[in-house]
């Protein structure tokens, strides 16, 4: 039996899954690493530690089979930025999507109209997660480092470079830089001129199924793999987690809610929102990923449990209590912006709040309002997608926050769309494996992902309760009214 390894490079851990060539998961290994947060707003990682984690994972997975490893394919966190010197040695850490160093640069870009230009040209929202704004910040704050840097790449590009010596990015990862032109799918020269870098300082752009070989002989020996094992370029975790739950067209949305969350869909032409409330990232000339990432998913649920409940009470206790309150939590609304927010408000200064709180409200209403607020925020992120595309037939959902039947049903009621949960939770590595199948000629195109039950198998379907859906549809406009009314206060809070 032959095998494929899917690698998912996350923000705090990398996961590797060994699949046989029929697409069945055989083994999973995960390896964590620290997030460097030595000052306010900083969120960096050591690329060498991540490369060490990747090597350990590949080696251990390779040791679990006597068969041949045909390929290693990649899913990766987006928006990271790494600077290399003239010898391709590290000059910086990996500055992750969560780093907020460029917040003032984004505000200035909004005021000068640059942020709107970046969004219209590239589909990148106005947020400091984007490498284009990080580059402008480095140019302003660390000019000597900026001048010394010869190459600017992301974490996936760094890992593949270490293994093969080739510096290549795929379209979906390039889209996450804020410098890839939506129409030409090439680096946008006007934006590069504004930043002050040259195309030669950026990786070559290729399609996700590009085969990059050979692997350097030192790593062939070190990792215990075959010399002809192929490196498949792979793609962003956003794109792969979408197709990994079989949301391959605009009839389906993908909803993933773990610590953070995202709602995404794939369309056949670029669709820009006049309010820049969602991203629009090209995959190729016929497919574009639209979506809204949110900071405040399960992390808010955990905060509420630890704050409102006793230390010995479990997440299930929280859910059990929340279910005793009625839909709408007796007119109590919770804005879940505890960690600022990306979609749909794109405001790093945003704060959370309970609105409508009275003496009548007790622990059940507050618990349910927190869960409803998290889901309202996700629905808010999806609403402009729906307005600019169409209402989905189903929403295919995964993630730790969505493990509960109660929460899944709440999602169906708030979105007023059937929620389909998937048996396979590792959607990123699964889709990376499927890209390898395409690259190796084992599958012809992405449509075949739904022909294999083991690739995207449905678990349960939750249909909206129309009575509760009507309640939430009546409350949501008030949620939006409160969201807008408080927006002007967030900057003053942070002063």
Protein backbone atom coordinates (compact mmCIF):
# COMPACT_ATOMS: atom_id res chain seq x y z
CA UNK A 1 0.00 0.00 0.00
CA UNK A 2 1.19 3.51 -0.85
CA UNK A 3 0.58 6.57 1.31
CA UNK A 4 0.19 10.37 1.30
CA UNK A 5 1.00 12.68 4.21
CA UNK A 6 -1.17 15.76 4.72
CA UNK A 7 0.42 18.50 6.83
CA UNK A 8 -1.59 21.33 8.44
CA UNK A 9 0.64 24.14 9.73
CA UNK A 10 -1.40 25.92 12.39
CA UNK A 11 -0.75 28.94 14.59
CA UNK A 12 0.22 27.02 17.73
CA UNK A 13 0.70 23.48 16.41
CA UNK A 14 1.32 21.49 13.25
CA UNK A 15 -0.69 18.35 12.55
CA UNK A 16 0.23 15.54 10.19
CA UNK A 17 -2.11 12.81 8.98
CA UNK A 18 -1.00 9.65 7.18
CA UNK A 19 -3.52 8.58 4.52
CA UNK A 20 -3.43 5.48 2.38
CA UNK A 21 -3.81 6.05 -1.35
CA UNK A 22 -7.56 5.35 -1.10
CA UNK A 23 -7.94 8.37 1.18
CA UNK A 24 -8.38 6.58 4.51
CA UNK A 25 -6.68 8.20 7.52
CA UNK A 26 -4.25 5.77 9.16
CA UNK A 27 -2.45 7.85 11.81
CA UNK A 28 -2.35 11.40 13.17
CA UNK A 29 0.48 13.22 14.97
CA UNK A 30 0.48 16.77 16.32
CA UNK A 31 3.35 18.90 17.63
CA UNK A 32 2.95 22.26 19.36
CA UNK A 33 5.18 25.33 19.60
CA UNK A 34 4.95 28.64 21.49
CA UNK A 35 3.52 31.92 20.29
CA UNK A 36 5.96 34.73 21.05
CA UNK A 37 4.05 37.54 22.81
CA UNK A 38 6.64 39.62 24.64
CA UNK A 39 4.85 42.94 24.11
CA UNK A 40 1.30 44.12 23.51
CA UNK A 41 0.09 43.27 20.03
CA UNK A 42 2.97 40.91 19.23
CA UNK A 43 2.19 37.41 17.91
CA UNK A 44 5.24 35.78 16.33
CA UNK A 45 6.69 32.29 15.97
CA UNK A 46 10.14 30.82 15.50
CA UNK A 47 10.20 29.29 11.97
CA UNK A 48 12.99 26.90 13.02
CA UNK A 49 10.80 25.41 15.75
CA UNK A 50 7.99 24.90 13.25
CA UNK A 51 10.39 23.23 10.82
CA UNK A 52 11.59 20.97 13.63
CA UNK A 53 7.97 20.05 14.39
CA UNK A 54 7.32 19.27 10.71
CA UNK A 55 10.40 17.06 10.50
CA UNK A 56 9.41 15.13 13.63
CA UNK A 57 5.88 14.58 12.33
CA UNK A 58 7.00 13.36 8.89
CA UNK A 59 9.60 11.04 10.41
CA UNK A 60 7.19 9.48 12.90
CA UNK A 61 4.46 9.00 10.28
CA UNK A 62 6.94 7.49 7.82
CA UNK A 63 8.04 5.01 10.49
CA UNK A 64 4.48 3.72 10.85
CA UNK A 65 4.39 2.13 7.41
CA UNK A 66 6.52 -0.20 5.36
CA UNK A 67 4.84 1.14 2.22
CA UNK A 68 5.94 4.03 0.05
CA UNK A 69 5.22 7.68 0.87
CA UNK A 70 4.11 9.01 -2.52
CA UNK A 71 3.72 12.65 -1.56
CA UNK A 72 3.62 15.26 1.20
CA UNK A 73 1.01 17.97 0.72
CA UNK A 74 0.43 21.17 2.70
CA UNK A 75 -2.28 23.20 4.37
CA UNK A 76 -1.12 26.34 6.14
CA UNK A 77 -2.13 29.30 8.26
CA UNK A 78 -2.39 32.47 6.18
CA UNK A 79 -0.94 36.00 6.42
CA UNK A 80 2.44 35.15 7.98
CA UNK A 81 5.54 37.15 7.02
CA UNK A 82 9.20 36.12 7.23
CA UNK A 83 12.25 38.11 6.11
CA UNK A 84 15.39 36.41 4.71
CA UNK A 85 18.83 37.88 4.03
CA UNK A 86 20.98 37.52 0.89
CA UNK A 87 21.97 34.00 1.99
CA UNK A 88 18.33 33.05 2.65
CA UNK A 89 18.95 33.01 6.39
CA UNK A 90 16.28 34.22 8.80
CA UNK A 91 16.19 37.91 9.68
CA UNK A 92 12.82 37.81 11.42
CA UNK A 93 10.48 35.46 13.20
CA UNK A 94 7.29 34.48 11.44
CA UNK A 95 4.98 37.44 12.07
CA UNK A 96 1.59 35.72 12.24
CA UNK A 97 -1.92 36.78 11.26
CA UNK A 98 -2.62 37.48 14.96
CA UNK A 99 0.14 40.11 15.23
CA UNK A 100 -1.25 43.62 15.65
CA UNK A 101 1.93 45.65 15.10
CA UNK A 102 0.55 47.32 11.96
CA UNK A 103 -2.68 48.61 13.55
CA UNK A 104 -1.68 52.28 13.21
CA UNK A 105 -0.54 51.68 9.63
CA UNK A 106 -4.00 50.32 8.75
CA UNK A 107 -5.73 53.32 10.33
CA UNK A 108 -3.51 55.65 8.32
CA UNK A 109 -4.17 53.61 5.15
CA UNK A 110 -7.92 53.89 5.75
CA UNK A 111 -7.69 57.66 6.14
CA UNK A 112 -5.62 58.05 2.97
CA UNK A 113 -7.72 55.70 0.83
CA UNK A 114 -4.92 53.15 0.45
CA UNK A 115 -6.77 50.45 2.41
CA UNK A 116 -9.76 50.69 0.08
CA UNK A 117 -7.44 50.48 -2.92
CA UNK A 118 -5.78 47.36 -1.49
CA UNK A 119 -9.21 45.76 -0.94
CA UNK A 120 -10.48 46.55 -4.43
CA UNK A 121 -7.30 45.33 -6.09
CA UNK A 122 -6.67 42.21 -4.00
CA UNK A 123 -9.78 41.36 -1.93
CA UNK A 124 -7.77 41.78 1.29
CA UNK A 125 -9.77 43.38 4.13
CA UNK A 126 -8.53 46.44 6.00
CA UNK A 127 -6.78 44.71 8.88
CA UNK A 128 -3.24 44.50 10.32
CA UNK A 129 -3.16 40.72 9.69
CA UNK A 130 -2.25 41.45 6.04
CA UNK A 131 1.47 41.21 5.19
CA UNK A 132 1.21 44.32 3.00
CA UNK A 133 0.54 46.38 6.13
CA UNK A 134 3.21 44.55 8.12
CA UNK A 135 5.72 45.43 5.39
CA UNK A 136 4.71 49.10 5.54
CA UNK A 137 5.15 48.98 9.33
CA UNK A 138 8.59 47.38 9.07
CA UNK A 139 9.59 49.93 6.46
CA UNK A 140 8.55 52.72 8.84
CA UNK A 141 9.68 51.29 12.18
CA UNK A 142 12.60 49.00 11.27
CA UNK A 143 14.02 50.58 8.14
CA UNK A 144 17.48 48.96 8.36
CA UNK A 145 15.95 45.48 8.65
CA UNK A 146 13.61 46.30 5.79
CA UNK A 147 16.51 47.36 3.55
CA UNK A 148 18.59 44.33 4.52
CA UNK A 149 15.84 41.82 3.66
CA UNK A 150 16.22 40.21 0.25
CA UNK A 151 13.22 37.85 0.35
CA UNK A 152 9.77 38.10 1.91
CA UNK A 153 7.90 34.80 2.29
CA UNK A 154 5.35 33.05 4.53
CA UNK A 155 5.68 30.03 6.77
CA UNK A 156 4.60 27.42 4.20
CA UNK A 157 7.07 28.82 1.69
CA UNK A 158 9.82 28.68 4.31
CA UNK A 159 9.14 25.02 5.16
CA UNK A 160 9.07 23.96 1.50
CA UNK A 161 12.22 26.00 0.82
CA UNK A 162 14.05 24.21 3.63
CA UNK A 163 13.05 20.82 2.20
CA UNK A 164 13.60 21.52 -1.51
CA UNK A 165 15.60 24.73 -1.90
CA UNK A 166 12.79 26.22 -4.01
CA UNK A 167 10.90 29.38 -3.07
CA UNK A 168 7.35 29.01 -4.40
CA UNK A 169 3.95 30.05 -3.13
CA UNK A 170 0.50 29.03 -4.32
CA UNK A 171 -2.28 31.35 -5.47
CA UNK A 172 -4.36 30.99 -2.30
CA UNK A 173 -1.45 31.88 -0.01
CA UNK A 174 -0.34 34.74 -2.27
CA UNK A 175 -3.91 36.08 -2.08
CA UNK A 176 -3.50 36.37 1.69
CA UNK A 177 -0.64 38.87 1.38
CA UNK A 178 -2.73 41.77 0.09
CA UNK A 179 -0.40 42.09 -2.91
CA UNK A 180 -1.90 39.61 -5.43
CA UNK A 181 -4.02 41.27 -8.11
CA UNK A 182 -7.51 39.74 -8.24
CA UNK A 183 -7.75 39.97 -12.01
CA UNK A 184 -4.28 39.03 -13.22
CA UNK A 185 -3.33 36.59 -10.40
CA UNK A 186 0.13 38.17 -10.41
CA UNK A 187 1.89 40.44 -7.91
CA UNK A 188 0.37 43.91 -8.25
CA UNK A 189 3.14 46.26 -9.36
CA UNK A 190 1.45 49.44 -8.12
CA UNK A 191 1.12 48.03 -4.61
CA UNK A 192 4.70 46.72 -4.65
CA UNK A 193 5.87 50.23 -5.57
CA UNK A 194 3.91 51.68 -2.64
CA UNK A 195 5.47 49.15 -0.25
CA UNK A 196 8.92 49.58 -1.78
CA UNK A 197 9.76 46.01 -2.75
CA UNK A 198 10.42 44.21 -6.04
CA UNK A 199 8.75 41.13 -7.49
CA UNK A 200 12.11 39.35 -7.23
CA UNK A 201 11.82 39.64 -3.43
CA UNK A 202 8.64 37.56 -3.44
CA UNK A 203 8.15 33.86 -4.23
CA UNK A 204 7.17 32.54 -7.64
CA UNK A 205 3.40 31.86 -7.86
CA UNK A 206 2.06 28.43 -8.90
CA UNK A 207 -1.12 26.38 -8.56
CA UNK A 208 -1.77 24.32 -5.40
CA UNK A 209 -1.25 21.01 -7.23
CA UNK A 210 2.24 22.01 -8.40
CA UNK A 211 4.79 19.23 -7.79
CA UNK A 212 8.02 20.51 -6.23
CA UNK A 213 10.89 18.07 -6.30
CA UNK A 214 13.31 16.69 -5.50
CA UNK A 215 13.54 16.79 -1.72
CA UNK A 216 17.10 17.51 -0.59
CA UNK A 217 18.97 14.28 0.00
CA UNK A 218 19.84 15.24 3.59
CA UNK A 219 16.12 15.33 4.44
CA UNK A 220 15.33 12.18 2.49
CA UNK A 221 17.76 10.39 4.80
CA UNK A 222 16.81 12.27 7.95
CA UNK A 223 13.06 11.79 7.52
CA UNK A 224 13.20 8.18 6.37
CA UNK A 225 11.31 8.76 3.11
CA UNK A 226 11.94 7.78 -0.51
CA UNK A 227 14.07 10.00 -2.78
CA UNK A 228 11.15 10.21 -5.22
CA UNK A 229 8.60 11.35 -2.61
CA UNK A 230 6.88 14.39 -4.11
CA UNK A 231 6.31 17.69 -2.34
CA UNK A 232 2.90 19.05 -3.40
CA UNK A 233 2.67 22.83 -3.02
CA UNK A 234 -0.71 22.75 -1.27
CA UNK A 235 -2.81 25.74 -0.26
CA UNK A 236 -4.17 27.92 2.53
CA UNK A 237 -6.03 26.41 5.45
CA UNK A 238 -9.00 28.64 4.59
CA UNK A 239 -9.41 27.18 1.13
CA UNK A 240 -8.65 23.61 2.10
CA UNK A 241 -10.91 23.52 5.14
CA UNK A 242 -13.69 24.73 2.82
CA UNK A 243 -13.33 22.07 0.14
CA UNK A 244 -12.51 19.53 2.85
CA UNK A 245 -16.14 19.68 4.01
CA UNK A 246 -17.37 19.44 0.40
CA UNK A 247 -18.33 23.12 0.14
CA UNK A 248 -17.05 23.35 -3.41
CA UNK A 249 -19.62 25.75 -4.89
CA UNK A 250 -21.87 28.67 -3.94
CA UNK A 251 -24.74 26.36 -2.98
CA UNK A 252 -22.82 25.49 0.17
CA UNK A 253 -21.14 27.51 2.89
CA UNK A 254 -18.43 26.08 5.14
CA UNK A 255 -18.61 26.99 8.82
CA UNK A 256 -15.72 26.14 11.11
CA UNK A 257 -15.72 27.24 14.74
CA UNK A 258 -12.99 26.23 17.12
CA UNK A 259 -11.16 28.78 19.27
CA UNK A 260 -11.83 31.29 16.49
CA UNK A 261 -14.07 30.72 13.50
CA UNK A 262 -14.83 31.41 9.86
CA UNK A 263 -17.63 31.18 7.32
CA UNK A 264 -16.63 30.73 3.68
CA UNK A 265 -17.96 29.93 0.22
CA UNK A 266 -16.51 29.45 -3.27
CA UNK A 267 -17.84 31.40 -6.28
CA UNK A 268 -16.93 31.54 -9.96
CA UNK A 269 -16.04 35.23 -10.20
CA UNK A 270 -14.61 37.87 -7.86
CA UNK A 271 -17.25 39.62 -5.74
CA UNK A 272 -16.13 42.67 -3.77
CA UNK A 273 -18.30 44.04 -0.94
CA UNK A 274 -18.80 47.83 -0.89
CA UNK A 275 -18.21 47.82 2.87
CA UNK A 276 -15.16 45.51 2.64
CA UNK A 277 -16.82 43.23 5.20
CA UNK A 278 -15.39 39.98 3.82
CA UNK A 279 -12.32 38.76 1.96
CA UNK A 280 -12.25 37.74 -1.68
CA UNK A 281 -9.22 35.56 -2.44
CA UNK A 282 -8.55 34.05 -5.87
CA UNK A 283 -7.94 30.33 -6.17
CA UNK A 284 -7.63 30.36 -9.95
CA UNK A 285 -9.31 32.27 -12.80
CA UNK A 286 -12.58 30.36 -12.31
CA UNK A 287 -12.78 30.08 -8.51
CA UNK A 288 -12.70 32.63 -5.70
CA UNK A 289 -12.90 32.09 -1.95
CA UNK A 290 -15.17 34.54 -0.14
CA UNK A 291 -15.36 34.55 3.62
CA UNK A 292 -15.27 36.15 7.00
CA UNK A 293 -12.87 35.03 9.76
CA UNK A 294 -13.85 35.84 13.35
CA UNK A 295 -11.63 36.02 16.42
CA UNK A 296 -14.36 35.19 18.88
CA UNK A 297 -15.51 31.57 18.74
CA UNK A 298 -14.94 28.91 21.37
CA UNK A 299 -12.48 31.15 23.21
CA UNK A 300 -15.43 33.31 24.29
CA UNK A 301 -17.42 30.25 25.37
CA UNK A 302 -14.47 29.19 27.55
CA UNK A 303 -14.18 32.68 29.05
CA UNK A 304 -17.88 32.72 29.90
CA UNK A 305 -17.76 29.27 31.49
CA UNK A 306 -14.79 30.21 33.66
CA UNK A 307 -16.31 33.58 34.59
CA UNK A 308 -19.99 32.77 35.13
CA UNK A 309 -19.63 29.23 36.49
CA UNK A 310 -17.76 27.56 39.32
CA UNK A 311 -14.38 25.99 38.64
CA UNK A 312 -15.74 22.44 38.96
CA UNK A 313 -18.53 22.99 36.42
CA UNK A 314 -17.91 21.56 32.95
CA UNK A 315 -18.67 22.86 29.44
CA UNK A 316 -21.63 20.47 29.39
CA UNK A 317 -22.92 22.06 32.62
CA UNK A 318 -22.78 25.43 30.86
CA UNK A 319 -24.73 24.06 27.88
CA UNK A 320 -27.30 22.36 30.12
CA UNK A 321 -27.98 25.59 32.00
CA UNK A 322 -28.13 27.65 28.78
CA UNK A 323 -30.80 25.35 27.37
CA UNK A 324 -33.16 26.21 30.23
CA UNK A 325 -33.43 29.83 28.95
CA UNK A 326 -35.76 30.63 26.04
CA UNK A 327 -34.66 31.61 22.54
CA UNK A 328 -33.53 35.23 22.65
CA UNK A 329 -32.45 34.96 26.31
CA UNK A 330 -35.34 37.20 27.45
CA UNK A 331 -34.14 40.12 25.32
CA UNK A 332 -30.52 39.91 26.48
CA UNK A 333 -27.95 40.47 23.72
CA UNK A 334 -24.25 39.75 23.96
CA UNK A 335 -21.62 41.25 21.64
CA UNK A 336 -18.74 38.72 21.74
CA UNK A 337 -15.86 41.02 20.73
CA UNK A 338 -13.58 40.02 23.62
CA UNK A 339 -10.51 39.87 21.37
CA UNK A 340 -11.27 42.71 18.99
CA UNK A 341 -12.83 41.42 15.79
CA UNK A 342 -12.10 40.72 12.18
CA UNK A 343 -15.19 39.99 10.08
CA UNK A 344 -17.55 41.66 9.71
CA UNK A 345 -16.53 44.84 11.60
CA UNK A 346 -12.71 44.63 11.12
CA UNK A 347 -12.04 46.57 14.31
CA UNK A 348 -9.10 45.52 16.46
CA UNK A 349 -10.28 47.90 19.21
CA UNK A 350 -13.73 46.29 19.58
CA UNK A 351 -14.92 45.29 23.08
CA UNK A 352 -17.51 42.78 24.28
CA UNK A 353 -20.71 43.70 26.13
CA UNK A 354 -24.05 42.53 27.50
CA UNK A 355 -26.91 44.78 26.35
CA UNK A 356 -30.35 44.78 27.93
CA UNK A 357 -29.22 43.32 31.25
CA UNK A 358 -31.79 43.54 34.07
CA UNK A 359 -32.33 41.98 37.49
CA UNK A 360 -34.58 39.44 35.75
CA UNK A 361 -31.60 37.93 33.95
CA UNK A 362 -29.83 35.11 35.74
CA UNK A 363 -27.14 32.58 34.87
CA UNK A 364 -29.28 30.67 32.26
CA UNK A 365 -30.05 33.82 30.23
CA UNK A 366 -26.47 35.05 30.40
CA UNK A 367 -25.10 31.65 29.36
CA UNK A 368 -27.50 31.35 26.44
CA UNK A 369 -26.91 34.97 25.38
CA UNK A 370 -23.16 34.25 25.13
CA UNK A 371 -23.76 31.30 22.79
CA UNK A 372 -26.33 33.26 20.78
CA UNK A 373 -23.91 36.20 20.55
CA UNK A 374 -21.13 34.02 19.15
CA UNK A 375 -23.52 32.61 16.54
CA UNK A 376 -25.03 36.05 15.74
CA UNK A 377 -21.50 37.27 15.05
CA UNK A 378 -20.91 34.37 12.66
CA UNK A 379 -24.25 35.03 10.98
CA UNK A 380 -23.30 38.72 10.76
CA UNK A 381 -20.09 37.69 8.99
CA UNK A 382 -22.14 35.53 6.60
CA UNK A 383 -24.92 38.03 5.89
CA UNK A 384 -22.98 40.11 3.37
CA UNK A 385 -21.76 36.93 1.68
CA UNK A 386 -25.41 35.93 1.27
CA UNK A 387 -26.33 39.41 0.03
CA UNK A 388 -23.60 39.39 -2.63
CA UNK A 389 -23.98 35.73 -3.66
CA UNK A 390 -27.07 33.80 -2.58
CA UNK A 391 -28.51 31.99 0.39
CA UNK A 392 -26.84 28.57 0.66
CA UNK A 393 -28.74 25.32 0.39
CA UNK A 394 -26.80 23.96 3.37
CA UNK A 395 -23.97 25.01 5.67
CA UNK A 396 -21.35 22.29 6.17
CA UNK A 397 -19.98 22.66 9.67
CA UNK A 398 -16.98 21.47 11.71
CA UNK A 399 -15.07 22.54 14.81
CA UNK A 400 -14.92 22.00 18.53
CA UNK A 401 -17.45 24.71 19.38
CA UNK A 402 -19.99 22.85 17.22
CA UNK A 403 -19.75 19.48 18.99
CA UNK A 404 -23.01 19.98 20.90
CA UNK A 405 -26.41 19.15 19.37
CA UNK A 406 -27.77 22.25 21.14
CA UNK A 407 -25.20 24.58 19.53
CA UNK A 408 -25.65 22.98 16.11
CA UNK A 409 -29.41 23.45 16.31
CA UNK A 410 -28.93 27.06 17.42
CA UNK A 411 -26.78 27.65 14.32
CA UNK A 412 -29.52 26.21 12.10
CA UNK A 413 -32.09 28.45 13.78
CA UNK A 414 -30.03 31.67 13.60
CA UNK A 415 -28.86 31.10 10.01
CA UNK A 416 -32.29 29.67 9.07
CA UNK A 417 -30.44 27.14 6.90
CA UNK A 418 -29.88 23.39 7.43
CA UNK A 419 -26.60 22.68 9.22
CA UNK A 420 -24.75 19.58 8.00
CA UNK A 421 -22.03 18.22 10.26
CA UNK A 422 -19.21 16.12 8.89
CA UNK A 423 -17.70 12.89 10.22
CA UNK A 424 -14.20 13.92 9.16
CA UNK A 425 -12.91 16.78 11.34
CA UNK A 426 -9.43 17.04 9.77
CA UNK A 427 -10.73 18.87 6.72
CA UNK A 428 -7.48 20.76 6.05
CA UNK A 429 -5.17 17.74 5.87
CA UNK A 430 -7.87 15.75 4.07
CA UNK A 431 -8.13 18.35 1.31
CA UNK A 432 -4.33 18.63 1.14
CA UNK A 433 -4.25 14.88 0.60
CA UNK A 434 -6.82 15.28 -2.16
CA UNK A 435 -4.62 17.89 -3.88
CA UNK A 436 -1.85 15.28 -3.84
CA UNK A 437 -4.22 12.77 -5.44
CA UNK A 438 -4.84 15.28 -8.22
CA UNK A 439 -1.14 16.02 -8.64
CA UNK A 440 -0.35 12.29 -8.83
CA UNK A 441 -3.14 11.62 -11.32
CA UNK A 442 -5.20 9.53 -8.88
CA UNK A 443 -8.10 12.01 -9.08
CA UNK A 444 -8.97 14.19 -12.05
CA UNK A 445 -10.54 17.30 -10.51
CA UNK A 446 -11.95 18.73 -7.29
CA UNK A 447 -15.51 17.63 -8.10
CA UNK A 448 -14.43 14.06 -7.39
CA UNK A 449 -14.03 14.84 -3.69
CA UNK A 450 -17.76 14.28 -3.20
CA UNK A 451 -17.67 10.91 -4.99
CA UNK A 452 -15.62 9.38 -2.19
CA UNK A 453 -17.71 8.80 0.93
CA UNK A 454 -14.61 8.65 3.07
CA UNK A 455 -13.54 12.13 1.94
CA UNK A 456 -16.59 14.18 2.92
CA UNK A 457 -19.06 12.00 4.76
CA UNK A 458 -22.12 13.60 6.33
CA UNK A 459 -22.74 12.94 10.00
CA UNK A 460 -26.03 14.69 10.91
CA UNK A 461 -28.36 17.31 9.46
CA UNK A 462 -30.03 19.94 11.68
CA UNK A 463 -33.06 21.67 10.14
CA UNK A 464 -34.20 25.10 11.40
CA UNK A 465 -36.95 25.24 13.99
CA UNK A 466 -39.13 27.82 12.26
CA UNK A 467 -40.57 29.24 15.48
CA UNK A 468 -37.13 29.93 16.94
CA UNK A 469 -35.74 31.00 13.55
CA UNK A 470 -38.44 33.70 13.43
CA UNK A 471 -37.43 34.91 16.90
CA UNK A 472 -33.79 35.22 15.87
CA UNK A 473 -34.65 36.94 12.59
CA UNK A 474 -36.54 39.56 14.61
CA UNK A 475 -33.67 40.04 17.09
CA UNK A 476 -30.82 40.22 14.57
CA UNK A 477 -31.59 43.78 13.34
CA UNK A 478 -31.38 44.98 16.95
CA UNK A 479 -28.05 43.15 17.33
CA UNK A 480 -26.77 45.07 14.27
CA UNK A 481 -28.15 48.37 15.58
CA UNK A 482 -26.28 47.90 18.87
CA UNK A 483 -23.13 46.81 17.03
CA UNK A 484 -23.11 50.03 15.01
CA UNK A 485 -24.06 52.28 17.93
CA UNK A 486 -21.11 51.12 20.04
CA UNK A 487 -18.51 51.19 17.25
CA UNK A 488 -17.52 54.81 17.84
CA UNK A 489 -16.80 54.13 21.53
CA UNK A 490 -14.18 51.39 21.13
CA UNK A 491 -11.26 53.69 20.35
CA UNK A 492 -12.08 55.81 23.40
CA UNK A 493 -12.12 52.70 25.59
CA UNK A 494 -8.64 51.82 24.42
CA UNK A 495 -7.32 55.29 25.22
